[in-house]
Amino acid sequence: VSKGGAVFLNQEMELVDLREKPKPGEPTSPWYNAGIYAFRPSIFDFTAKLKPSPRGEYELTDAVRALAHSGKKVKALELIGGWADVRDPEILARLNQAR
């Protein structure tokens, strides 16, 4: 994982860490953050504390990481089947040509 979020899980599929766009040499994971979430209202306690990232963006992944690090359980689900990251214009163009 280098373009999206690298998801680090324990044996119970609980989130241990989440790194958005890891740089070369930083730890990575075979698990990719698909960006599909279902939250309880407690996530707002963590989104309210967000500060802009070095890229000037408010990263939801920072709130999810803080939630997990606070001791709350954040469970991951494995998605089975094909998928594509359609935020990448090149991938989206290829998918449109393949239709």
PDB file of N, CA and C in Angstrom:
ATOM      1  N   VAL A   1       0.854  -1.180   0.000  1.00  0.00           N
ATOM      2  CA  VAL A   1       0.000   0.000   0.000  1.00  0.00           C
ATOM      3  C   VAL A   1       0.889   1.228   0.000  1.00  0.00           C
ATOM      4  N   SER A   2       0.738   2.093  -1.008  1.00  0.00           N
ATOM      5  CA  SER A   2       1.519   3.330  -1.048  1.00  0.00           C
ATOM      6  C   SER A   2       0.660   4.543  -1.389  1.00  0.00           C
ATOM      7  N   LYS A   3      -0.467   4.342  -2.063  1.00  0.00           N
ATOM      8  CA  LYS A   3      -1.311   5.481  -2.449  1.00  0.00           C
ATOM      9  C   LYS A   3      -2.420   5.748  -1.444  1.00  0.00           C
ATOM     10  N   GLY A   4      -2.906   4.741  -0.788  1.00  0.00           N
ATOM     11  CA  GLY A   4      -4.022   4.910   0.136  1.00  0.00           C
ATOM     12  C   GLY A   4      -3.608   4.617   1.554  1.00  0.00           C
ATOM     13  N   GLY A   5      -4.572   4.187   2.346  1.00  0.00           N
ATOM     14  CA  GLY A   5      -4.308   3.914   3.750  1.00  0.00           C
ATOM     15  C   GLY A   5      -3.890   2.477   3.981  1.00  0.00           C
ATOM     16  N   ALA A   6      -2.769   2.298   4.678  1.00  0.00           N
ATOM     17  CA  ALA A   6      -2.315   0.972   5.081  1.00  0.00           C
ATOM     18  C   ALA A   6      -2.953   0.660   6.431  1.00  0.00           C
ATOM     19  N   VAL A   7      -3.620  -0.480   6.519  1.00  0.00           N
ATOM     20  CA  VAL A   7      -4.360  -0.874   7.713  1.00  0.00           C
ATOM     21  C   VAL A   7      -3.586  -1.983   8.417  1.00  0.00           C
ATOM     22  N   PHE A   8      -3.300  -1.776   9.698  1.00  0.00           N
ATOM     23  CA  PHE A   8      -2.582  -2.756  10.506  1.00  0.00           C
ATOM     24  C   PHE A   8      -3.568  -3.358  11.495  1.00  0.00           C
ATOM     25  N   LEU A   9      -3.712  -4.691  11.452  1.00  0.00           N
ATOM     26  CA  LEU A   9      -4.727  -5.396  12.237  1.00  0.00           C
ATOM     27  C   LEU A   9      -4.093  -6.441  13.139  1.00  0.00           C
ATOM     28  N   ASN A  10      -4.800  -6.776  14.227  1.00  0.00           N
ATOM     29  CA  ASN A  10      -4.370  -7.898  15.052  1.00  0.00           C
ATOM     30  C   ASN A  10      -5.085  -9.162  14.563  1.00  0.00           C
ATOM     31  N   GLN A  11      -4.901 -10.266  15.274  1.00  0.00           N
ATOM     32  CA  GLN A  11      -5.478 -11.553  14.860  1.00  0.00           C
ATOM     33  C   GLN A  11      -7.008 -11.539  14.851  1.00  0.00           C
ATOM     34  N   GLU A  12      -7.610 -10.643  15.648  1.00  0.00           N
ATOM     35  CA  GLU A  12      -9.072 -10.562  15.725  1.00  0.00           C
ATOM     36  C   GLU A  12      -9.648  -9.561  14.721  1.00  0.00           C
ATOM     37  N   MET A  13      -8.825  -9.122  13.770  1.00  0.00           N
ATOM     38  CA  MET A  13      -9.236  -8.142  12.757  1.00  0.00           C
ATOM     39  C   MET A  13      -9.627  -6.806  13.391  1.00  0.00           C
ATOM     40  N   GLU A  14      -8.954  -6.461  14.497  1.00  0.00           N
ATOM     41  CA  GLU A  14      -9.153  -5.168  15.138  1.00  0.00           C
ATOM     42  C   GLU A  14      -8.029  -4.238  14.714  1.00  0.00           C
ATOM     43  N   LEU A  15      -8.379  -2.986  14.498  1.00  0.00           N
ATOM     44  CA  LEU A  15      -7.400  -2.000  14.051  1.00  0.00           C
ATOM     45  C   LEU A  15      -6.351  -1.751  15.127  1.00  0.00           C
ATOM     46  N   VAL A  16      -5.088  -1.864  14.727  1.00  0.00           N
ATOM     47  CA  VAL A  16      -3.957  -1.540  15.591  1.00  0.00           C
ATOM     48  C   VAL A  16      -3.398  -0.183  15.179  1.00  0.00           C
ATOM     49  N   ASP A  17      -3.301   0.042  13.869  1.00  0.00           N
ATOM     50  CA  ASP A  17      -2.816   1.319  13.350  1.00  0.00           C
ATOM     51  C   ASP A  17      -3.351   1.508  11.937  1.00  0.00           C
ATOM     52  N   LEU A  18      -3.322   2.749  11.517  1.00  0.00           N
ATOM     53  CA  LEU A  18      -3.793   3.127  10.191  1.00  0.00           C
ATOM     54  C   LEU A  18      -2.897   4.259   9.721  1.00  0.00           C
ATOM     55  N   ARG A  19      -2.236   4.064   8.591  1.00  0.00           N
ATOM     56  CA  ARG A  19      -1.318   5.082   8.075  1.00  0.00           C
ATOM     57  C   ARG A  19      -1.761   5.505   6.688  1.00  0.00           C
ATOM     58  N   GLU A  20      -2.035   6.785   6.558  1.00  0.00           N
ATOM     59  CA  GLU A  20      -2.482   7.325   5.278  1.00  0.00           C
ATOM     60  C   GLU A  20      -1.279   7.611   4.395  1.00  0.00           C
ATOM     61  N   LYS A  21      -1.275   7.032   3.200  1.00  0.00           N
ATOM     62  CA  LYS A  21      -0.227   7.250   2.200  1.00  0.00           C
ATOM     63  C   LYS A  21       1.182   7.124   2.784  1.00  0.00           C
ATOM     64  N   PRO A  22       1.555   5.912   3.240  1.00  0.00           N
ATOM     65  CA  PRO A  22       2.896   5.748   3.811  1.00  0.00           C
ATOM     66  C   PRO A  22       3.980   6.086   2.789  1.00  0.00           C
ATOM     67  N   LYS A  23       5.021   6.721   3.284  1.00  0.00           N
ATOM     68  CA  LYS A  23       6.150   7.096   2.431  1.00  0.00           C
ATOM     69  C   LYS A  23       7.073   5.896   2.257  1.00  0.00           C
ATOM     70  N   PRO A  24       7.897   5.884   1.195  1.00  0.00           N
ATOM     71  CA  PRO A  24       8.856   4.788   1.021  1.00  0.00           C
ATOM     72  C   PRO A  24       9.710   4.626   2.277  1.00  0.00           C
ATOM     73  N   GLY A  25       9.867   3.388   2.702  1.00  0.00           N
ATOM     74  CA  GLY A  25      10.653   3.088   3.892  1.00  0.00           C
ATOM     75  C   GLY A  25       9.831   3.009   5.165  1.00  0.00           C
ATOM     76  N   GLU A  26       8.614   3.565   5.155  1.00  0.00           N
ATOM     77  CA  GLU A  26       7.740   3.458   6.321  1.00  0.00           C
ATOM     78  C   GLU A  26       7.046   2.100   6.300  1.00  0.00           C
ATOM     79  N   PRO A  27       6.628   1.611   7.468  1.00  0.00           N
ATOM     80  CA  PRO A  27       5.926   0.322   7.496  1.00  0.00           C
ATOM     81  C   PRO A  27       4.669   0.367   6.633  1.00  0.00           C
ATOM     82  N   THR A  28       4.379  -0.759   6.023  1.00  0.00           N
ATOM     83  CA  THR A  28       3.165  -0.874   5.221  1.00  0.00           C
ATOM     84  C   THR A  28       2.463  -2.175   5.591  1.00  0.00           C
ATOM     85  N   SER A  29       1.395  -2.476   4.921  1.00  0.00           N
ATOM     86  CA  SER A  29       0.561  -3.613   5.277  1.00  0.00           C
ATOM     87  C   SER A  29      -0.071  -4.183   4.011  1.00  0.00           C
ATOM     88  N   PRO A  30      -0.417  -5.467   4.029  1.00  0.00           N
ATOM     89  CA  PRO A  30      -1.151  -6.018   2.884  1.00  0.00           C
ATOM     90  C   PRO A  30      -2.616  -5.582   2.880  1.00  0.00           C
ATOM     91  N   TRP A  31      -3.078  -4.968   3.968  1.00  0.00           N
ATOM     92  CA  TRP A  31      -4.467  -4.526   4.069  1.00  0.00           C
ATOM     93  C   TRP A  31      -4.579  -3.073   3.635  1.00  0.00           C
ATOM     94  N   TYR A  32      -5.552  -2.799   2.777  1.00  0.00           N
ATOM     95  CA  TYR A  32      -5.781  -1.469   2.209  1.00  0.00           C
ATOM     96  C   TYR A  32      -7.077  -0.897   2.780  1.00  0.00           C
ATOM     97  N   ASN A  33      -7.075   0.376   3.111  1.00  0.00           N
ATOM     98  CA  ASN A  33      -8.277   1.038   3.616  1.00  0.00           C
ATOM     99  C   ASN A  33      -9.192   1.383   2.444  1.00  0.00           C
ATOM    100  N   ALA A  34     -10.319   0.681   2.349  1.00  0.00           N
ATOM    101  CA  ALA A  34     -11.271   0.929   1.264  1.00  0.00           C
ATOM    102  C   ALA A  34     -12.095   2.192   1.503  1.00  0.00           C
ATOM    103  N   GLY A  35     -12.023   2.756   2.704  1.00  0.00           N
ATOM    104  CA  GLY A  35     -12.747   3.995   2.981  1.00  0.00           C
ATOM    105  C   GLY A  35     -14.240   3.808   3.184  1.00  0.00           C
ATOM    106  N   ILE A  36     -14.644   2.609   3.562  1.00  0.00           N
ATOM    107  CA  ILE A  36     -16.050   2.320   3.841  1.00  0.00           C
ATOM    108  C   ILE A  36     -16.173   2.162   5.355  1.00  0.00           C
ATOM    109  N   TYR A  37     -16.986   3.002   5.974  1.00  0.00           N
ATOM    110  CA  TYR A  37     -17.056   3.024   7.432  1.00  0.00           C
ATOM    111  C   TYR A  37     -18.496   2.968   7.926  1.00  0.00           C
ATOM    112  N   ALA A  38     -18.670   2.437   9.131  1.00  0.00           N
ATOM    113  CA  ALA A  38     -19.905   2.546   9.914  1.00  0.00           C
ATOM    114  C   ALA A  38     -19.451   2.901  11.327  1.00  0.00           C
ATOM    115  N   PHE A  39     -19.857   4.071  11.805  1.00  0.00           N
ATOM    116  CA  PHE A  39     -19.388   4.563  13.098  1.00  0.00           C
ATOM    117  C   PHE A  39     -20.527   4.695  14.091  1.00  0.00           C
ATOM    118  N   ARG A  40     -20.157   4.637  15.359  1.00  0.00           N
ATOM    119  CA  ARG A  40     -21.037   5.073  16.440  1.00  0.00           C
ATOM    120  C   ARG A  40     -20.793   6.570  16.620  1.00  0.00           C
ATOM    121  N   PRO A  41     -21.706   7.269  17.282  1.00  0.00           N
ATOM    122  CA  PRO A  41     -21.529   8.718  17.464  1.00  0.00           C
ATOM    123  C   PRO A  41     -20.231   9.115  18.170  1.00  0.00           C
ATOM    124  N   SER A  42     -19.601   8.207  18.890  1.00  0.00           N
ATOM    125  CA  SER A  42     -18.356   8.548  19.600  1.00  0.00           C
ATOM    126  C   SER A  42     -17.240   8.991  18.652  1.00  0.00           C
ATOM    127  N   ILE A  43     -17.347   8.695  17.354  1.00  0.00           N
ATOM    128  CA  ILE A  43     -16.312   9.149  16.413  1.00  0.00           C
ATOM    129  C   ILE A  43     -16.225  10.673  16.406  1.00  0.00           C
ATOM    130  N   PHE A  44     -17.342  11.346  16.685  1.00  0.00           N
ATOM    131  CA  PHE A  44     -17.342  12.812  16.651  1.00  0.00           C
ATOM    132  C   PHE A  44     -16.475  13.417  17.751  1.00  0.00           C
ATOM    133  N   ASP A  45     -16.269  12.677  18.846  1.00  0.00           N
ATOM    134  CA  ASP A  45     -15.332  13.144  19.877  1.00  0.00           C
ATOM    135  C   ASP A  45     -13.924  13.256  19.302  1.00  0.00           C
ATOM    136  N   PHE A  46     -13.616  12.419  18.331  1.00  0.00           N
ATOM    137  CA  PHE A  46     -12.277  12.379  17.743  1.00  0.00           C
ATOM    138  C   PHE A  46     -12.163  13.282  16.513  1.00  0.00           C
ATOM    139  N   THR A  47     -13.226  13.383  15.724  1.00  0.00           N
ATOM    140  CA  THR A  47     -13.162  14.290  14.569  1.00  0.00           C
ATOM    141  C   THR A  47     -13.102  15.742  15.024  1.00  0.00           C
ATOM    142  N   ALA A  48     -13.702  16.052  16.168  1.00  0.00           N
ATOM    143  CA  ALA A  48     -13.690  17.431  16.678  1.00  0.00           C
ATOM    144  C   ALA A  48     -12.279  17.897  17.037  1.00  0.00           C
ATOM    145  N   LYS A  49     -11.380  16.945  17.276  1.00  0.00           N
ATOM    146  CA  LYS A  49     -10.005  17.282  17.683  1.00  0.00           C
ATOM    147  C   LYS A  49      -9.022  17.287  16.514  1.00  0.00           C
ATOM    148  N   LEU A  50      -9.505  17.036  15.307  1.00  0.00           N
ATOM    149  CA  LEU A  50      -8.604  16.953  14.153  1.00  0.00           C
ATOM    150  C   LEU A  50      -7.938  18.290  13.863  1.00  0.00           C
ATOM    151  N   LYS A  51      -6.689  18.203  13.460  1.00  0.00           N
ATOM    152  CA  LYS A  51      -5.925  19.357  12.980  1.00  0.00           C
ATOM    153  C   LYS A  51      -5.558  19.066  11.523  1.00  0.00           C
ATOM    154  N   PRO A  52      -5.348  20.084  10.708  1.00  0.00           N
ATOM    155  CA  PRO A  52      -4.966  19.827   9.314  1.00  0.00           C
ATOM    156  C   PRO A  52      -3.663  19.023   9.237  1.00  0.00           C
ATOM    157  N   SER A  53      -3.623  18.112   8.295  1.00  0.00           N
ATOM    158  CA  SER A  53      -2.421  17.309   8.053  1.00  0.00           C
ATOM    159  C   SER A  53      -1.370  18.175   7.362  1.00  0.00           C
ATOM    160  N   PRO A  54      -0.146  17.657   7.191  1.00  0.00           N
ATOM    161  CA  PRO A  54       0.865  18.414   6.437  1.00  0.00           C
ATOM    162  C   PRO A  54       0.402  18.774   5.023  1.00  0.00           C
ATOM    163  N   ARG A  55      -0.569  18.006   4.484  1.00  0.00           N
ATOM    164  CA  ARG A  55      -1.115  18.308   3.156  1.00  0.00           C
ATOM    165  C   ARG A  55      -2.243  19.331   3.231  1.00  0.00           C
ATOM    166  N   GLY A  56      -2.543  19.820   4.458  1.00  0.00           N
ATOM    167  CA  GLY A  56      -3.588  20.822   4.624  1.00  0.00           C
ATOM    168  C   GLY A  56      -4.994  20.252   4.660  1.00  0.00           C
ATOM    169  N   GLU A  57      -5.109  18.942   4.843  1.00  0.00           N
ATOM    170  CA  GLU A  57      -6.418  18.284   4.847  1.00  0.00           C
ATOM    171  C   GLU A  57      -6.737  17.757   6.243  1.00  0.00           C
ATOM    172  N   TYR A  58      -8.020  17.657   6.538  1.00  0.00           N
ATOM    173  CA  TYR A  58      -8.471  16.996   7.758  1.00  0.00           C
ATOM    174  C   TYR A  58      -8.652  15.523   7.408  1.00  0.00           C
ATOM    175  N   GLU A  59      -7.860  14.677   7.998  1.00  0.00           N
ATOM    176  CA  GLU A  59      -7.830  13.256   7.637  1.00  0.00           C
ATOM    177  C   GLU A  59      -8.739  12.456   8.570  1.00  0.00           C
ATOM    178  N   LEU A  60      -9.811  11.889   8.028  1.00  0.00           N
ATOM    179  CA  LEU A  60     -10.684  11.037   8.823  1.00  0.00           C
ATOM    180  C   LEU A  60      -9.893   9.877   9.416  1.00  0.00           C
ATOM    181  N   THR A  61      -8.889   9.409   8.689  1.00  0.00           N
ATOM    182  CA  THR A  61      -8.084   8.295   9.193  1.00  0.00           C
ATOM    183  C   THR A  61      -7.381   8.654  10.501  1.00  0.00           C
ATOM    184  N   ASP A  62      -7.050   9.933  10.706  1.00  0.00           N
ATOM    185  CA  ASP A  62      -6.447  10.346  11.982  1.00  0.00           C
ATOM    186  C   ASP A  62      -7.436  10.149  13.128  1.00  0.00           C
ATOM    187  N   ALA A  63      -8.707  10.457  12.886  1.00  0.00           N
ATOM    188  CA  ALA A  63      -9.734  10.257  13.911  1.00  0.00           C
ATOM    189  C   ALA A  63      -9.960   8.770  14.169  1.00  0.00           C
ATOM    190  N   VAL A  64      -9.953   7.957  13.123  1.00  0.00           N
ATOM    191  CA  VAL A  64     -10.139   6.511  13.277  1.00  0.00           C
ATOM    192  C   VAL A  64      -8.971   5.930  14.070  1.00  0.00           C
ATOM    193  N   ARG A  65      -7.748   6.350  13.754  1.00  0.00           N
ATOM    194  CA  ARG A  65      -6.565   5.885  14.484  1.00  0.00           C
ATOM    195  C   ARG A  65      -6.664   6.281  15.961  1.00  0.00           C
ATOM    196  N   ALA A  66      -7.043   7.531  16.235  1.00  0.00           N
ATOM    197  CA  ALA A  66      -7.174   7.996  17.620  1.00  0.00           C
ATOM    198  C   ALA A  66      -8.247   7.204  18.363  1.00  0.00           C
ATOM    199  N   LEU A  67      -9.344   6.892  17.689  1.00  0.00           N
ATOM    200  CA  LEU A  67     -10.403   6.082  18.283  1.00  0.00           C
ATOM    201  C   LEU A  67      -9.852   4.724  18.702  1.00  0.00           C
ATOM    202  N   ALA A  68      -9.119   4.070  17.813  1.00  0.00           N
ATOM    203  CA  ALA A  68      -8.541   2.758  18.119  1.00  0.00           C
ATOM    204  C   ALA A  68      -7.510   2.859  19.238  1.00  0.00           C
ATOM    205  N   HIS A  69      -6.679   3.890  19.210  1.00  0.00           N
ATOM    206  CA  HIS A  69      -5.634   4.053  20.226  1.00  0.00           C
ATOM    207  C   HIS A  69      -6.219   4.423  21.590  1.00  0.00           C
ATOM    208  N   SER A  70      -7.475   4.875  21.622  1.00  0.00           N
ATOM    209  CA  SER A  70      -8.117   5.233  22.891  1.00  0.00           C
ATOM    210  C   SER A  70      -8.605   4.002  23.652  1.00  0.00           C
ATOM    211  N   GLY A  71      -8.508   2.848  23.014  1.00  0.00           N
ATOM    212  CA  GLY A  71      -8.970   1.620  23.646  1.00  0.00           C
ATOM    213  C   GLY A  71     -10.304   1.128  23.116  1.00  0.00           C
ATOM    214  N   LYS A  72     -10.964   1.915  22.285  1.00  0.00           N
ATOM    215  CA  LYS A  72     -12.221   1.479  21.664  1.00  0.00           C
ATOM    216  C   LYS A  72     -11.892   0.451  20.584  1.00  0.00           C
ATOM    217  N   LYS A  73     -12.776  -0.509  20.398  1.00  0.00           N
ATOM    218  CA  LYS A  73     -12.565  -1.507  19.352  1.00  0.00           C
ATOM    219  C   LYS A  73     -12.969  -0.929  18.005  1.00  0.00           C
ATOM    220  N   VAL A  74     -12.083  -1.057  17.051  1.00  0.00           N
ATOM    221  CA  VAL A  74     -12.360  -0.691  15.665  1.00  0.00           C
ATOM    222  C   VAL A  74     -12.130  -1.963  14.861  1.00  0.00           C
ATOM    223  N   LYS A  75     -13.205  -2.545  14.364  1.00  0.00           N
ATOM    224  CA  LYS A  75     -13.132  -3.818  13.656  1.00  0.00           C
ATOM    225  C   LYS A  75     -13.016  -3.597  12.149  1.00  0.00           C
ATOM    226  N   ALA A  76     -12.274  -4.470  11.503  1.00  0.00           N
ATOM    227  CA  ALA A  76     -12.124  -4.446  10.049  1.00  0.00           C
ATOM    228  C   ALA A  76     -12.867  -5.637   9.455  1.00  0.00           C
ATOM    229  N   LEU A  77     -13.357  -5.452   8.260  1.00  0.00           N
ATOM    230  CA  LEU A  77     -13.993  -6.527   7.504  1.00  0.00           C
ATOM    231  C   LEU A  77     -13.242  -6.694   6.197  1.00  0.00           C
ATOM    232  N   GLU A  78     -13.003  -7.934   5.830  1.00  0.00           N
ATOM    233  CA  GLU A  78     -12.340  -8.207   4.557  1.00  0.00           C
ATOM    234  C   GLU A  78     -13.372  -8.175   3.441  1.00  0.00           C
ATOM    235  N   LEU A  79     -13.110  -7.366   2.426  1.00  0.00           N
ATOM    236  CA  LEU A  79     -13.974  -7.326   1.252  1.00  0.00           C
ATOM    237  C   LEU A  79     -13.473  -8.357   0.252  1.00  0.00           C
ATOM    238  N   ILE A  80     -14.359  -9.208  -0.199  1.00  0.00           N
ATOM    239  CA  ILE A  80     -14.010 -10.272  -1.136  1.00  0.00           C
ATOM    240  C   ILE A  80     -14.438  -9.838  -2.537  1.00  0.00           C
ATOM    241  N   GLY A  81     -13.583 -10.097  -3.508  1.00  0.00           N
ATOM    242  CA  GLY A  81     -13.926  -9.787  -4.889  1.00  0.00           C
ATOM    243  C   GLY A  81     -13.082  -8.662  -5.444  1.00  0.00           C
ATOM    244  N   GLY A  82     -13.329  -8.336  -6.685  1.00  0.00           N
ATOM    245  CA  GLY A  82     -12.562  -7.291  -7.350  1.00  0.00           C
ATOM    246  C   GLY A  82     -12.964  -5.906  -6.886  1.00  0.00           C
ATOM    247  N   TRP A  83     -12.029  -4.997  -6.933  1.00  0.00           N
ATOM    248  CA  TRP A  83     -12.293  -3.605  -6.597  1.00  0.00           C
ATOM    249  C   TRP A  83     -11.246  -2.748  -7.291  1.00  0.00           C
ATOM    250  N   ALA A  84     -11.523  -1.485  -7.384  1.00  0.00           N
ATOM    251  CA  ALA A  84     -10.570  -0.543  -7.983  1.00  0.00           C
ATOM    252  C   ALA A  84     -10.669   0.784  -7.245  1.00  0.00           C
ATOM    253  N   ASP A  85      -9.547   1.447  -7.083  1.00  0.00           N
ATOM    254  CA  ASP A  85      -9.496   2.753  -6.435  1.00  0.00           C
ATOM    255  C   ASP A  85      -9.811   3.810  -7.488  1.00  0.00           C
ATOM    256  N   VAL A  86     -11.077   4.199  -7.581  1.00  0.00           N
ATOM    257  CA  VAL A  86     -11.500   5.107  -8.648  1.00  0.00           C
ATOM    258  C   VAL A  86     -11.173   6.570  -8.351  1.00  0.00           C
ATOM    259  N   ARG A  87     -10.459   6.839  -7.253  1.00  0.00           N
ATOM    260  CA  ARG A  87      -9.972   8.205  -7.007  1.00  0.00           C
ATOM    261  C   ARG A  87      -8.774   8.507  -7.902  1.00  0.00           C
ATOM    262  N   ASP A  88      -8.165   7.470  -8.461  1.00  0.00           N
ATOM    263  CA  ASP A  88      -7.003   7.625  -9.336  1.00  0.00           C
ATOM    264  C   ASP A  88      -7.514   7.813 -10.764  1.00  0.00           C
ATOM    265  N   PRO A  89      -7.315   8.994 -11.367  1.00  0.00           N
ATOM    266  CA  PRO A  89      -7.857   9.255 -12.710  1.00  0.00           C
ATOM    267  C   PRO A  89      -7.387   8.253 -13.765  1.00  0.00           C
ATOM    268  N   GLU A  90      -6.153   7.774 -13.662  1.00  0.00           N
ATOM    269  CA  GLU A  90      -5.661   6.801 -14.649  1.00  0.00           C
ATOM    270  C   GLU A  90      -6.424   5.488 -14.548  1.00  0.00           C
ATOM    271  N   ILE A  91      -6.667   5.036 -13.335  1.00  0.00           N
ATOM    272  CA  ILE A  91      -7.417   3.794 -13.143  1.00  0.00           C
ATOM    273  C   ILE A  91      -8.849   3.971 -13.627  1.00  0.00           C
ATOM    274  N   LEU A  92      -9.456   5.095 -13.300  1.00  0.00           N
ATOM    275  CA  LEU A  92     -10.827   5.361 -13.741  1.00  0.00           C
ATOM    276  C   LEU A  92     -10.916   5.381 -15.267  1.00  0.00           C
ATOM    277  N   ALA A  93      -9.943   5.984 -15.931  1.00  0.00           N
ATOM    278  CA  ALA A  93      -9.930   6.022 -17.398  1.00  0.00           C
ATOM    279  C   ALA A  93      -9.820   4.610 -17.968  1.00  0.00           C
ATOM    280  N   ARG A  94      -8.952   3.776 -17.378  1.00  0.00           N
ATOM    281  CA  ARG A  94      -8.808   2.390 -17.848  1.00  0.00           C
ATOM    282  C   ARG A  94     -10.102   1.614 -17.669  1.00  0.00           C
ATOM    283  N   LEU A  95     -10.759   1.810 -16.533  1.00  0.00           N
ATOM    284  CA  LEU A  95     -12.026   1.111 -16.290  1.00  0.00           C
ATOM    285  C   LEU A  95     -13.090   1.538 -17.290  1.00  0.00           C
ATOM    286  N   ASN A  96     -13.135   2.817 -17.611  1.00  0.00           N
ATOM    287  CA  ASN A  96     -14.108   3.308 -18.587  1.00  0.00           C
ATOM    288  C   ASN A  96     -13.828   2.763 -19.981  1.00  0.00           C
ATOM    289  N   GLN A  97     -12.559   2.577 -20.341  1.00  0.00           N
ATOM    290  CA  GLN A  97     -12.210   2.020 -21.653  1.00  0.00           C
ATOM    291  C   GLN A  97     -12.549   0.543 -21.730  1.00  0.00           C
ATOM    292  N   ALA A  98     -12.506  -0.150 -20.602  1.00  0.00           N
ATOM    293  CA  ALA A  98     -12.751  -1.591 -20.579  1.00  0.00           C
ATOM    294  C   ALA A  98     -14.233  -1.930 -20.714  1.00  0.00           C
ATOM    295  N   ARG A  99     -15.097  -0.942 -20.587  1.00  0.00           N
ATOM    296  CA  ARG A  99     -16.545  -1.217 -20.655  1.00  0.00           C
ATOM    297  C   ARG A  99     -16.986  -1.524 -22.044  1.00  0.00           C
TER     298      ARG A  99
END
